[in-house]
Amino acid sequence: MSEQQNPLPPTGEEKKGDSNEHINLKVVGNDHNEVFFKIKRTTQLKKLMDAYCERQGKSLASLRFLYDGERVQSHNTPHELDMEDGEVDYDKV
């Protein structure tokens, strides 16, 4: 009987599926330049790294990407690293 009275899912439930599928990341460089990305949690971070390097005119080999102080490898995914919406830093090599 309660199912008929409340056919809509609880507030935020529809959005929860979308937010679990994608993650918003901000890449911040030593120069404090910020670039924002929205990628799927299962996408390899190489895609983000390549896009960042292309936008900044830098070589991937000349940069190191870090998340929570740990180096990020190009084959890693946000899901593997338990990433939340947040910040990825890079250092020049």
C-alpha atoms as a PDB file:
ATOM      1  CA  MET A   1       0.000   0.000   0.000  1.00  0.00           C
ATOM      2  CA  SER A   2       2.835   2.423   0.754  1.00  0.00           C
ATOM      3  CA  GLU A   3       4.329   1.615  -2.669  1.00  0.00           C
ATOM      4  CA  GLN A   4       1.230   2.974  -4.387  1.00  0.00           C
ATOM      5  CA  GLN A   5       1.239   6.142  -2.301  1.00  0.00           C
ATOM      6  CA  ASN A   6       4.918   6.907  -2.991  1.00  0.00           C
ATOM      7  CA  PRO A   7       5.812   5.708  -6.521  1.00  0.00           C
ATOM      8  CA  LEU A   8       8.798   8.103  -6.832  1.00  0.00           C
ATOM      9  CA  PRO A   9      12.231   7.149  -5.482  1.00  0.00           C
ATOM     10  CA  PRO A  10      13.534   9.076  -2.466  1.00  0.00           C
ATOM     11  CA  THR A  11      15.094  12.448  -3.265  1.00  0.00           C
ATOM     12  CA  GLY A  12      18.610  12.147  -4.675  1.00  0.00           C
ATOM     13  CA  GLU A  13      18.373   8.462  -5.581  1.00  0.00           C
ATOM     14  CA  GLU A  14      18.279   9.149  -9.326  1.00  0.00           C
ATOM     15  CA  LYS A  15      21.272  11.455  -9.091  1.00  0.00           C
ATOM     16  CA  LYS A  16      23.192   8.927  -7.010  1.00  0.00           C
ATOM     17  CA  GLY A  17      23.573   6.545  -9.965  1.00  0.00           C
ATOM     18  CA  ASP A  18      24.962   9.303 -12.174  1.00  0.00           C
ATOM     19  CA  SER A  19      27.370  10.570  -9.520  1.00  0.00           C
ATOM     20  CA  ASN A  20      28.688   7.043  -8.984  1.00  0.00           C
ATOM     21  CA  GLU A  21      29.386   6.660 -12.688  1.00  0.00           C
ATOM     22  CA  HIS A  22      31.298   9.942 -13.194  1.00  0.00           C
ATOM     23  CA  ILE A  23      33.831  11.835 -11.122  1.00  0.00           C
ATOM     24  CA  ASN A  24      34.862  15.492 -11.276  1.00  0.00           C
ATOM     25  CA  LEU A  25      38.605  16.032 -10.985  1.00  0.00           C
ATOM     26  CA  LYS A  26      40.663  19.202 -10.907  1.00  0.00           C
ATOM     27  CA  VAL A  27      44.282  19.040 -12.090  1.00  0.00           C
ATOM     28  CA  VAL A  28      46.416  21.679 -10.368  1.00  0.00           C
ATOM     29  CA  GLY A  29      49.960  22.363 -11.503  1.00  0.00           C
ATOM     30  CA  ASN A  30      52.958  23.906  -9.786  1.00  0.00           C
ATOM     31  CA  ASP A  31      51.959  27.185 -11.422  1.00  0.00           C
ATOM     32  CA  HIS A  32      48.538  26.884  -9.676  1.00  0.00           C
ATOM     33  CA  ASN A  33      46.821  26.612 -13.058  1.00  0.00           C
ATOM     34  CA  GLU A  34      43.590  24.577 -12.715  1.00  0.00           C
ATOM     35  CA  VAL A  35      41.948  22.393 -15.370  1.00  0.00           C
ATOM     36  CA  PHE A  36      38.694  20.557 -14.649  1.00  0.00           C
ATOM     37  CA  PHE A  37      37.690  17.142 -15.996  1.00  0.00           C
ATOM     38  CA  LYS A  38      34.631  14.913 -15.688  1.00  0.00           C
ATOM     39  CA  ILE A  39      35.385  11.267 -16.459  1.00  0.00           C
ATOM     40  CA  LYS A  40      33.874   7.873 -15.760  1.00  0.00           C
ATOM     41  CA  ARG A  41      35.189   6.055 -12.719  1.00  0.00           C
ATOM     42  CA  THR A  42      36.251   3.152 -14.937  1.00  0.00           C
ATOM     43  CA  THR A  43      38.174   5.273 -17.479  1.00  0.00           C
ATOM     44  CA  GLN A  44      41.956   4.950 -17.366  1.00  0.00           C
ATOM     45  CA  LEU A  45      43.555   8.174 -16.139  1.00  0.00           C
ATOM     46  CA  LYS A  46      45.769   8.184 -19.247  1.00  0.00           C
ATOM     47  CA  LYS A  47      42.875   9.864 -21.041  1.00  0.00           C
ATOM     48  CA  LEU A  48      42.839  12.703 -18.490  1.00  0.00           C
ATOM     49  CA  MET A  49      46.639  12.976 -18.490  1.00  0.00           C
ATOM     50  CA  ASP A  50      46.854  13.137 -22.291  1.00  0.00           C
ATOM     51  CA  ALA A  51      44.083  15.747 -22.475  1.00  0.00           C
ATOM     52  CA  TYR A  52      45.764  17.850 -19.794  1.00  0.00           C
ATOM     53  CA  CYS A  53      49.149  17.717 -21.527  1.00  0.00           C
ATOM     54  CA  GLU A  54      47.598  18.628 -24.869  1.00  0.00           C
ATOM     55  CA  ARG A  55      45.783  21.629 -23.365  1.00  0.00           C
ATOM     56  CA  GLN A  56      48.906  22.833 -21.585  1.00  0.00           C
ATOM     57  CA  GLY A  57      51.337  22.077 -24.429  1.00  0.00           C
ATOM     58  CA  LYS A  58      53.446  19.806 -22.223  1.00  0.00           C
ATOM     59  CA  SER A  59      54.886  16.341 -22.661  1.00  0.00           C
ATOM     60  CA  LEU A  60      53.436  13.524 -20.554  1.00  0.00           C
ATOM     61  CA  ALA A  61      56.997  12.298 -19.936  1.00  0.00           C
ATOM     62  CA  SER A  62      57.859  15.635 -18.304  1.00  0.00           C
ATOM     63  CA  LEU A  63      55.068  15.471 -15.693  1.00  0.00           C
ATOM     64  CA  ARG A  64      54.168  13.335 -12.684  1.00  0.00           C
ATOM     65  CA  PHE A  65      50.544  13.189 -11.594  1.00  0.00           C
ATOM     66  CA  LEU A  66      49.788  12.756  -7.895  1.00  0.00           C
ATOM     67  CA  TYR A  67      46.646  11.995  -5.912  1.00  0.00           C
ATOM     68  CA  ASP A  68      46.764  12.209  -2.107  1.00  0.00           C
ATOM     69  CA  GLY A  69      50.556  12.411  -2.364  1.00  0.00           C
ATOM     70  CA  GLU A  70      50.838   9.142  -4.309  1.00  0.00           C
ATOM     71  CA  ARG A  71      51.946   8.904  -7.922  1.00  0.00           C
ATOM     72  CA  VAL A  72      49.153   8.110 -10.376  1.00  0.00           C
ATOM     73  CA  GLN A  73      49.928   5.661 -13.185  1.00  0.00           C
ATOM     74  CA  SER A  74      48.312   6.066 -16.599  1.00  0.00           C
ATOM     75  CA  HIS A  75      46.641   2.633 -16.375  1.00  0.00           C
ATOM     76  CA  ASN A  76      44.950   3.474 -13.041  1.00  0.00           C
ATOM     77  CA  THR A  77      41.258   4.330 -12.893  1.00  0.00           C
ATOM     78  CA  PRO A  78      39.493   6.572 -10.366  1.00  0.00           C
ATOM     79  CA  HIS A  79      37.671   3.450  -9.129  1.00  0.00           C
ATOM     80  CA  GLU A  80      40.956   1.599  -8.457  1.00  0.00           C
ATOM     81  CA  LEU A  81      42.324   4.548  -6.482  1.00  0.00           C
ATOM     82  CA  ASP A  82      39.066   5.113  -4.553  1.00  0.00           C
ATOM     83  CA  MET A  83      39.035   8.687  -5.847  1.00  0.00           C
ATOM     84  CA  GLU A  84      36.345  11.090  -4.759  1.00  0.00           C
ATOM     85  CA  ASP A  85      35.555  14.360  -6.480  1.00  0.00           C
ATOM     86  CA  GLY A  86      38.681  16.361  -5.889  1.00  0.00           C
ATOM     87  CA  GLU A  87      42.117  17.381  -6.922  1.00  0.00           C
ATOM     88  CA  VAL A  88      44.978  15.749  -8.818  1.00  0.00           C
ATOM     89  CA  ASP A  89      48.334  17.534  -8.648  1.00  0.00           C
ATOM     90  CA  TYR A  90      51.281  17.311 -10.981  1.00  0.00           C
ATOM     91  CA  ASP A  91      55.006  17.961 -10.598  1.00  0.00           C
ATOM     92  CA  LYS A  92      57.511  18.636 -13.336  1.00  0.00           C
ATOM     93  CA  VAL A  93      60.105  15.905 -13.716  1.00  0.00           C
END
